[in-house]
Amino acid sequence: MVSTLLRHRTLILQMARREIVARYRGSVMGVFWSLLNPLLMLVVYTFVFSVVFKARWQTGAQQSHTDFAIILFVGVIVHTLFSEVAGRAPSPSFPTPATSSAWCSRSKSCPPSACCRRSSRPV
């Protein structure tokens, strides 16, 4: 598996770059927002749950707000990773209907949504 990743690393990097450029095209803050958004969520969640609601992970010992923030941050990262993977998994990775129909004609495991994209374009 590692050798396959190394062999196709230029393709993987090109696809990742294309995805990042397409995702943040037309955005005011661009990639900076993808870093700022989780940090702002972490600050708000830490304040609300550790200061306002006084939630604690440990029952007996006194826990600092930093410990709470670290545990919360790990949970937010895992949740975000899972939601991104689950949200993007059903969608095909084809940018245009032409590439999806070409792939569907050669593949036995074509997702139905990829084949239907060609017919769902406005005329």
N, C-alpha and C. Protein backbone atom coordinates (compact mmCIF):
# COMPACT_ATOMS: atom_id res chain seq x y z
N MET A 1 0.82 -1.18 0.00
CA MET A 1 0.00 0.00 0.00
C MET A 1 0.87 1.26 0.00
N VAL A 2 1.94 1.25 0.78
CA VAL A 2 2.82 2.41 0.83
C VAL A 2 3.52 2.60 -0.51
N SER A 3 3.91 1.51 -1.14
CA SER A 3 4.57 1.62 -2.43
C SER A 3 3.62 2.19 -3.49
N THR A 4 2.35 1.82 -3.41
CA THR A 4 1.36 2.37 -4.34
C THR A 4 1.18 3.86 -4.11
N LEU A 5 1.13 4.28 -2.85
CA LEU A 5 1.02 5.71 -2.55
C LEU A 5 2.24 6.48 -3.04
N LEU A 6 3.42 5.90 -2.85
CA LEU A 6 4.63 6.57 -3.32
C LEU A 6 4.69 6.63 -4.84
N ARG A 7 4.25 5.58 -5.48
CA ARG A 7 4.27 5.55 -6.94
C ARG A 7 3.32 6.57 -7.54
N HIS A 8 2.18 6.80 -6.89
CA HIS A 8 1.17 7.72 -7.41
C HIS A 8 1.13 9.04 -6.63
N ARG A 9 2.22 9.42 -6.01
CA ARG A 9 2.21 10.62 -5.17
C ARG A 9 1.96 11.89 -5.96
N THR A 10 2.43 11.97 -7.20
CA THR A 10 2.18 13.20 -7.97
C THR A 10 0.69 13.32 -8.31
N LEU A 11 0.06 12.21 -8.63
CA LEU A 11 -1.38 12.23 -8.90
C LEU A 11 -2.16 12.62 -7.64
N ILE A 12 -1.78 12.06 -6.51
CA ILE A 12 -2.45 12.37 -5.25
C ILE A 12 -2.29 13.85 -4.90
N LEU A 13 -1.09 14.38 -5.08
CA LEU A 13 -0.85 15.80 -4.79
C LEU A 13 -1.63 16.70 -5.75
N GLN A 14 -1.71 16.33 -7.02
CA GLN A 14 -2.48 17.12 -7.97
C GLN A 14 -3.97 17.11 -7.64
N MET A 15 -4.48 15.95 -7.27
CA MET A 15 -5.90 15.86 -6.91
C MET A 15 -6.20 16.64 -5.63
N ALA A 16 -5.29 16.57 -4.66
CA ALA A 16 -5.48 17.33 -3.41
C ALA A 16 -5.43 18.83 -3.68
N ARG A 17 -4.49 19.25 -4.51
CA ARG A 17 -4.39 20.68 -4.84
C ARG A 17 -5.64 21.15 -5.57
N ARG A 18 -6.13 20.36 -6.51
CA ARG A 18 -7.34 20.71 -7.24
C ARG A 18 -8.54 20.83 -6.30
N GLU A 19 -8.64 19.92 -5.36
CA GLU A 19 -9.74 19.94 -4.39
C GLU A 19 -9.68 21.19 -3.51
N ILE A 20 -8.49 21.54 -3.05
CA ILE A 20 -8.33 22.71 -2.18
C ILE A 20 -8.64 23.99 -2.94
N VAL A 21 -8.12 24.10 -4.16
CA VAL A 21 -8.39 25.29 -4.97
C VAL A 21 -9.87 25.42 -5.28
N ALA A 22 -10.53 24.33 -5.64
CA ALA A 22 -11.95 24.36 -5.96
C ALA A 22 -12.80 24.67 -4.73
N ARG A 23 -12.39 24.17 -3.60
CA ARG A 23 -13.17 24.36 -2.38
C ARG A 23 -13.17 25.82 -1.91
N TYR A 24 -12.03 26.47 -2.02
CA TYR A 24 -11.91 27.82 -1.48
C TYR A 24 -11.91 28.91 -2.56
N ARG A 25 -12.25 28.57 -3.79
CA ARG A 25 -12.34 29.56 -4.85
C ARG A 25 -13.50 30.51 -4.55
N GLY A 26 -13.25 31.80 -4.61
CA GLY A 26 -14.27 32.80 -4.36
C GLY A 26 -14.50 33.10 -2.90
N SER A 27 -13.79 32.42 -2.02
CA SER A 27 -13.92 32.68 -0.59
C SER A 27 -13.07 33.87 -0.20
N VAL A 28 -13.55 34.65 0.74
CA VAL A 28 -12.84 35.85 1.15
C VAL A 28 -11.53 35.49 1.88
N MET A 29 -11.61 34.59 2.85
CA MET A 29 -10.41 34.27 3.62
C MET A 29 -9.73 32.98 3.16
N GLY A 30 -10.34 32.23 2.28
CA GLY A 30 -9.71 31.07 1.69
C GLY A 30 -9.32 29.99 2.69
N VAL A 31 -8.11 29.49 2.55
CA VAL A 31 -7.61 28.40 3.38
C VAL A 31 -7.47 28.85 4.83
N PHE A 32 -7.24 30.13 5.05
CA PHE A 32 -7.11 30.65 6.41
C PHE A 32 -8.37 30.37 7.22
N TRP A 33 -9.53 30.42 6.58
CA TRP A 33 -10.78 30.15 7.28
C TRP A 33 -10.85 28.70 7.76
N SER A 34 -10.28 27.76 7.00
CA SER A 34 -10.31 26.36 7.42
C SER A 34 -9.46 26.13 8.67
N LEU A 35 -8.51 26.99 8.93
CA LEU A 35 -7.72 26.89 10.16
C LEU A 35 -8.37 27.69 11.30
N LEU A 36 -8.95 28.82 10.95
CA LEU A 36 -9.55 29.69 11.96
C LEU A 36 -10.87 29.12 12.51
N ASN A 37 -11.67 28.51 11.68
CA ASN A 37 -12.97 28.00 12.09
C ASN A 37 -12.86 26.97 13.22
N PRO A 38 -12.03 25.93 13.14
CA PRO A 38 -11.95 24.99 14.26
C PRO A 38 -11.40 25.63 15.54
N LEU A 39 -10.49 26.58 15.39
CA LEU A 39 -9.96 27.23 16.59
C LEU A 39 -11.03 28.08 17.28
N LEU A 40 -11.84 28.79 16.50
CA LEU A 40 -12.93 29.55 17.09
C LEU A 40 -13.97 28.64 17.74
N MET A 41 -14.27 27.51 17.09
CA MET A 41 -15.19 26.54 17.69
C MET A 41 -14.63 26.00 19.00
N LEU A 42 -13.33 25.74 19.04
CA LEU A 42 -12.70 25.23 20.25
C LEU A 42 -12.80 26.24 21.38
N VAL A 43 -12.55 27.51 21.09
CA VAL A 43 -12.64 28.55 22.12
C VAL A 43 -14.07 28.66 22.64
N VAL A 44 -15.04 28.68 21.75
CA VAL A 44 -16.44 28.81 22.17
C VAL A 44 -16.88 27.58 22.96
N TYR A 45 -16.59 26.39 22.46
CA TYR A 45 -16.98 25.17 23.17
C TYR A 45 -16.32 25.08 24.54
N THR A 46 -15.04 25.41 24.61
CA THR A 46 -14.33 25.35 25.88
C THR A 46 -14.96 26.32 26.88
N PHE A 47 -15.25 27.52 26.44
CA PHE A 47 -15.86 28.50 27.35
C PHE A 47 -17.24 28.04 27.80
N VAL A 48 -18.07 27.63 26.87
CA VAL A 48 -19.45 27.27 27.21
C VAL A 48 -19.48 26.04 28.12
N PHE A 49 -18.75 25.00 27.77
CA PHE A 49 -18.87 23.75 28.52
C PHE A 49 -18.02 23.72 29.79
N SER A 50 -16.87 24.39 29.81
CA SER A 50 -16.05 24.31 31.02
C SER A 50 -16.30 25.47 31.98
N VAL A 51 -16.72 26.62 31.48
CA VAL A 51 -16.95 27.77 32.36
C VAL A 51 -18.43 27.91 32.70
N VAL A 52 -19.28 27.95 31.68
CA VAL A 52 -20.71 28.17 31.92
C VAL A 52 -21.37 26.94 32.52
N PHE A 53 -21.22 25.78 31.86
CA PHE A 53 -21.87 24.57 32.35
C PHE A 53 -21.05 23.82 33.39
N LYS A 54 -19.79 24.18 33.56
CA LYS A 54 -18.87 23.55 34.53
C LYS A 54 -18.79 22.03 34.34
N ALA A 55 -18.69 21.60 33.10
CA ALA A 55 -18.55 20.18 32.78
C ALA A 55 -17.12 19.74 33.09
N ARG A 56 -16.97 18.54 33.62
CA ARG A 56 -15.66 18.00 33.96
C ARG A 56 -15.55 16.57 33.44
N TRP A 57 -14.35 16.20 32.99
CA TRP A 57 -14.12 14.83 32.53
C TRP A 57 -13.78 13.92 33.70
N GLN A 58 -13.12 14.47 34.71
CA GLN A 58 -12.75 13.68 35.88
C GLN A 58 -13.68 14.05 37.03
N THR A 59 -13.98 13.08 37.90
CA THR A 59 -14.93 13.34 38.98
C THR A 59 -14.27 13.92 40.22
N GLY A 60 -13.11 13.41 40.61
CA GLY A 60 -12.52 13.82 41.88
C GLY A 60 -11.51 14.94 41.77
N ALA A 61 -10.65 14.86 40.79
CA ALA A 61 -9.54 15.82 40.69
C ALA A 61 -10.00 17.12 40.03
N GLN A 62 -9.29 18.17 40.36
CA GLN A 62 -9.55 19.46 39.73
C GLN A 62 -8.92 19.47 38.34
N GLN A 63 -9.67 19.85 37.36
CA GLN A 63 -9.19 19.82 35.98
C GLN A 63 -9.08 21.24 35.46
N SER A 64 -7.99 21.52 34.77
CA SER A 64 -7.80 22.86 34.23
C SER A 64 -8.58 23.02 32.93
N HIS A 65 -8.75 24.26 32.51
CA HIS A 65 -9.44 24.53 31.26
C HIS A 65 -8.61 24.05 30.07
N THR A 66 -7.30 24.02 30.22
CA THR A 66 -6.43 23.55 29.13
C THR A 66 -6.63 22.07 28.88
N ASP A 67 -6.70 21.27 29.96
CA ASP A 67 -6.95 19.84 29.79
C ASP A 67 -8.29 19.59 29.12
N PHE A 68 -9.29 20.34 29.55
CA PHE A 68 -10.61 20.21 28.95
C PHE A 68 -10.57 20.57 27.47
N ALA A 69 -9.85 21.63 27.12
CA ALA A 69 -9.76 22.07 25.73
C ALA A 69 -9.05 21.03 24.87
N ILE A 70 -8.01 20.40 25.39
CA ILE A 70 -7.28 19.39 24.62
C ILE A 70 -8.17 18.18 24.34
N ILE A 71 -8.88 17.72 25.36
CA ILE A 71 -9.78 16.57 25.17
C ILE A 71 -10.89 16.93 24.19
N LEU A 72 -11.43 18.12 24.32
CA LEU A 72 -12.48 18.58 23.42
C LEU A 72 -11.97 18.72 21.99
N PHE A 73 -10.75 19.23 21.83
CA PHE A 73 -10.16 19.40 20.51
C PHE A 73 -9.97 18.06 19.81
N VAL A 74 -9.53 17.06 20.53
CA VAL A 74 -9.37 15.73 19.94
C VAL A 74 -10.73 15.20 19.49
N GLY A 75 -11.76 15.40 20.30
CA GLY A 75 -13.09 14.96 19.92
C GLY A 75 -13.62 15.69 18.70
N VAL A 76 -13.36 16.99 18.61
CA VAL A 76 -13.81 17.77 17.46
C VAL A 76 -13.08 17.33 16.20
N ILE A 77 -11.80 17.03 16.31
CA ILE A 77 -11.03 16.56 15.14
C ILE A 77 -11.59 15.23 14.64
N VAL A 78 -11.84 14.30 15.55
CA VAL A 78 -12.38 13.00 15.14
C VAL A 78 -13.76 13.16 14.52
N HIS A 79 -14.59 13.99 15.11
CA HIS A 79 -15.93 14.21 14.56
C HIS A 79 -15.87 14.86 13.18
N THR A 80 -15.02 15.86 13.01
CA THR A 80 -14.89 16.54 11.72
C THR A 80 -14.36 15.59 10.65
N LEU A 81 -13.36 14.79 11.00
CA LEU A 81 -12.83 13.82 10.05
C LEU A 81 -13.91 12.84 9.60
N PHE A 82 -14.65 12.30 10.55
CA PHE A 82 -15.70 11.34 10.21
C PHE A 82 -16.78 11.99 9.36
N SER A 83 -17.20 13.20 9.72
CA SER A 83 -18.28 13.83 8.96
C SER A 83 -17.83 14.19 7.55
N GLU A 84 -16.57 14.60 7.37
CA GLU A 84 -16.06 14.89 6.02
C GLU A 84 -16.01 13.62 5.18
N VAL A 85 -15.51 12.54 5.75
CA VAL A 85 -15.40 11.28 5.01
C VAL A 85 -16.78 10.74 4.67
N ALA A 86 -17.69 10.76 5.63
CA ALA A 86 -19.04 10.24 5.39
C ALA A 86 -19.81 11.13 4.42
N GLY A 87 -19.55 12.41 4.45
CA GLY A 87 -20.25 13.31 3.56
C GLY A 87 -19.76 13.27 2.13
N ARG A 88 -18.48 13.00 1.95
CA ARG A 88 -17.90 12.99 0.60
C ARG A 88 -17.85 11.60 -0.02
N ALA A 89 -18.02 10.56 0.74
CA ALA A 89 -17.88 9.20 0.22
C ALA A 89 -18.90 8.87 -0.87
N PRO A 90 -20.16 9.23 -0.73
CA PRO A 90 -21.12 8.85 -1.78
C PRO A 90 -20.94 9.62 -3.08
N SER A 91 -20.33 10.79 -3.03
CA SER A 91 -20.21 11.59 -4.25
C SER A 91 -19.07 11.09 -5.11
N PRO A 92 -19.27 11.07 -6.41
CA PRO A 92 -18.19 10.62 -7.29
C PRO A 92 -17.07 11.64 -7.34
N SER A 93 -15.90 11.20 -7.70
CA SER A 93 -14.75 12.10 -7.74
C SER A 93 -14.51 12.63 -9.14
N PHE A 94 -15.54 12.66 -9.96
CA PHE A 94 -15.39 13.13 -11.32
C PHE A 94 -15.83 14.58 -11.42
N PRO A 95 -15.00 15.45 -11.98
CA PRO A 95 -15.38 16.85 -12.07
C PRO A 95 -16.36 17.16 -13.18
N THR A 96 -16.38 16.36 -14.24
CA THR A 96 -17.26 16.65 -15.38
C THR A 96 -18.08 15.42 -15.74
N PRO A 97 -19.23 15.64 -16.35
CA PRO A 97 -20.04 14.49 -16.78
C PRO A 97 -19.35 13.63 -17.83
N ALA A 98 -18.50 14.22 -18.65
CA ALA A 98 -17.82 13.44 -19.69
C ALA A 98 -16.90 12.39 -19.08
N THR A 99 -16.16 12.77 -18.05
CA THR A 99 -15.26 11.79 -17.43
C THR A 99 -16.04 10.73 -16.69
N SER A 100 -17.19 11.10 -16.10
CA SER A 100 -17.96 10.09 -15.39
C SER A 100 -18.58 9.09 -16.36
N SER A 101 -19.06 9.56 -17.52
CA SER A 101 -19.66 8.61 -18.47
C SER A 101 -18.59 7.73 -19.11
N ALA A 102 -17.39 8.28 -19.32
CA ALA A 102 -16.30 7.47 -19.88
C ALA A 102 -15.90 6.39 -18.88
N TRP A 103 -15.84 6.75 -17.61
CA TRP A 103 -15.46 5.77 -16.60
C TRP A 103 -16.55 4.73 -16.43
N CYS A 104 -17.81 5.15 -16.48
CA CYS A 104 -18.93 4.22 -16.30
C CYS A 104 -19.01 3.21 -17.42
N SER A 105 -18.60 3.60 -18.61
CA SER A 105 -18.67 2.66 -19.71
C SER A 105 -17.62 1.56 -19.60
N ARG A 106 -16.53 1.82 -18.85
CA ARG A 106 -15.47 0.82 -18.70
C ARG A 106 -15.55 0.07 -17.38
N SER A 107 -16.33 0.54 -16.45
CA SER A 107 -16.32 -0.04 -15.12
C SER A 107 -17.60 -0.82 -14.84
N LYS A 108 -17.45 -1.88 -14.06
CA LYS A 108 -18.61 -2.67 -13.65
C LYS A 108 -19.21 -2.11 -12.36
N SER A 109 -18.45 -1.31 -11.62
CA SER A 109 -18.91 -0.82 -10.32
C SER A 109 -19.16 0.67 -10.34
N CYS A 110 -19.85 1.13 -11.33
CA CYS A 110 -20.15 2.56 -11.49
C CYS A 110 -21.23 2.99 -10.51
N PRO A 111 -21.00 4.06 -9.75
CA PRO A 111 -22.06 4.54 -8.88
C PRO A 111 -23.19 5.15 -9.72
N PRO A 112 -24.44 4.87 -9.38
CA PRO A 112 -25.56 5.37 -10.18
C PRO A 112 -25.58 6.89 -10.27
N SER A 113 -25.15 7.57 -9.22
CA SER A 113 -25.18 9.03 -9.25
C SER A 113 -24.22 9.58 -10.31
N ALA A 114 -23.13 8.88 -10.58
CA ALA A 114 -22.18 9.36 -11.58
C ALA A 114 -22.76 9.24 -12.98
N CYS A 115 -23.52 8.19 -13.25
CA CYS A 115 -24.12 8.02 -14.58
C CYS A 115 -25.30 8.96 -14.79
N CYS A 116 -25.98 9.29 -13.73
CA CYS A 116 -27.14 10.17 -13.83
C CYS A 116 -26.75 11.63 -13.96
N ARG A 117 -25.52 11.97 -13.68
CA ARG A 117 -25.11 13.37 -13.75
C ARG A 117 -25.22 13.91 -15.16
N ARG A 118 -24.94 13.06 -16.15
CA ARG A 118 -24.98 13.52 -17.53
C ARG A 118 -26.40 13.91 -17.92
N SER A 119 -27.37 13.15 -17.48
CA SER A 119 -28.75 13.43 -17.88
C SER A 119 -29.40 14.52 -17.02
N SER A 120 -28.79 14.89 -15.91
CA SER A 120 -29.42 15.89 -15.05
C SER A 120 -28.95 17.30 -15.33
N ARG A 121 -28.11 17.49 -16.36
CA ARG A 121 -27.67 18.84 -16.70
C ARG A 121 -28.80 19.63 -17.32
N PRO A 122 -28.87 20.95 -17.02
CA PRO A 122 -29.90 21.75 -17.69
C PRO A 122 -29.58 21.90 -19.17
N VAL A 123 -30.61 21.93 -19.98
CA VAL A 123 -30.44 22.02 -21.43
C VAL A 123 -30.31 23.45 -21.86
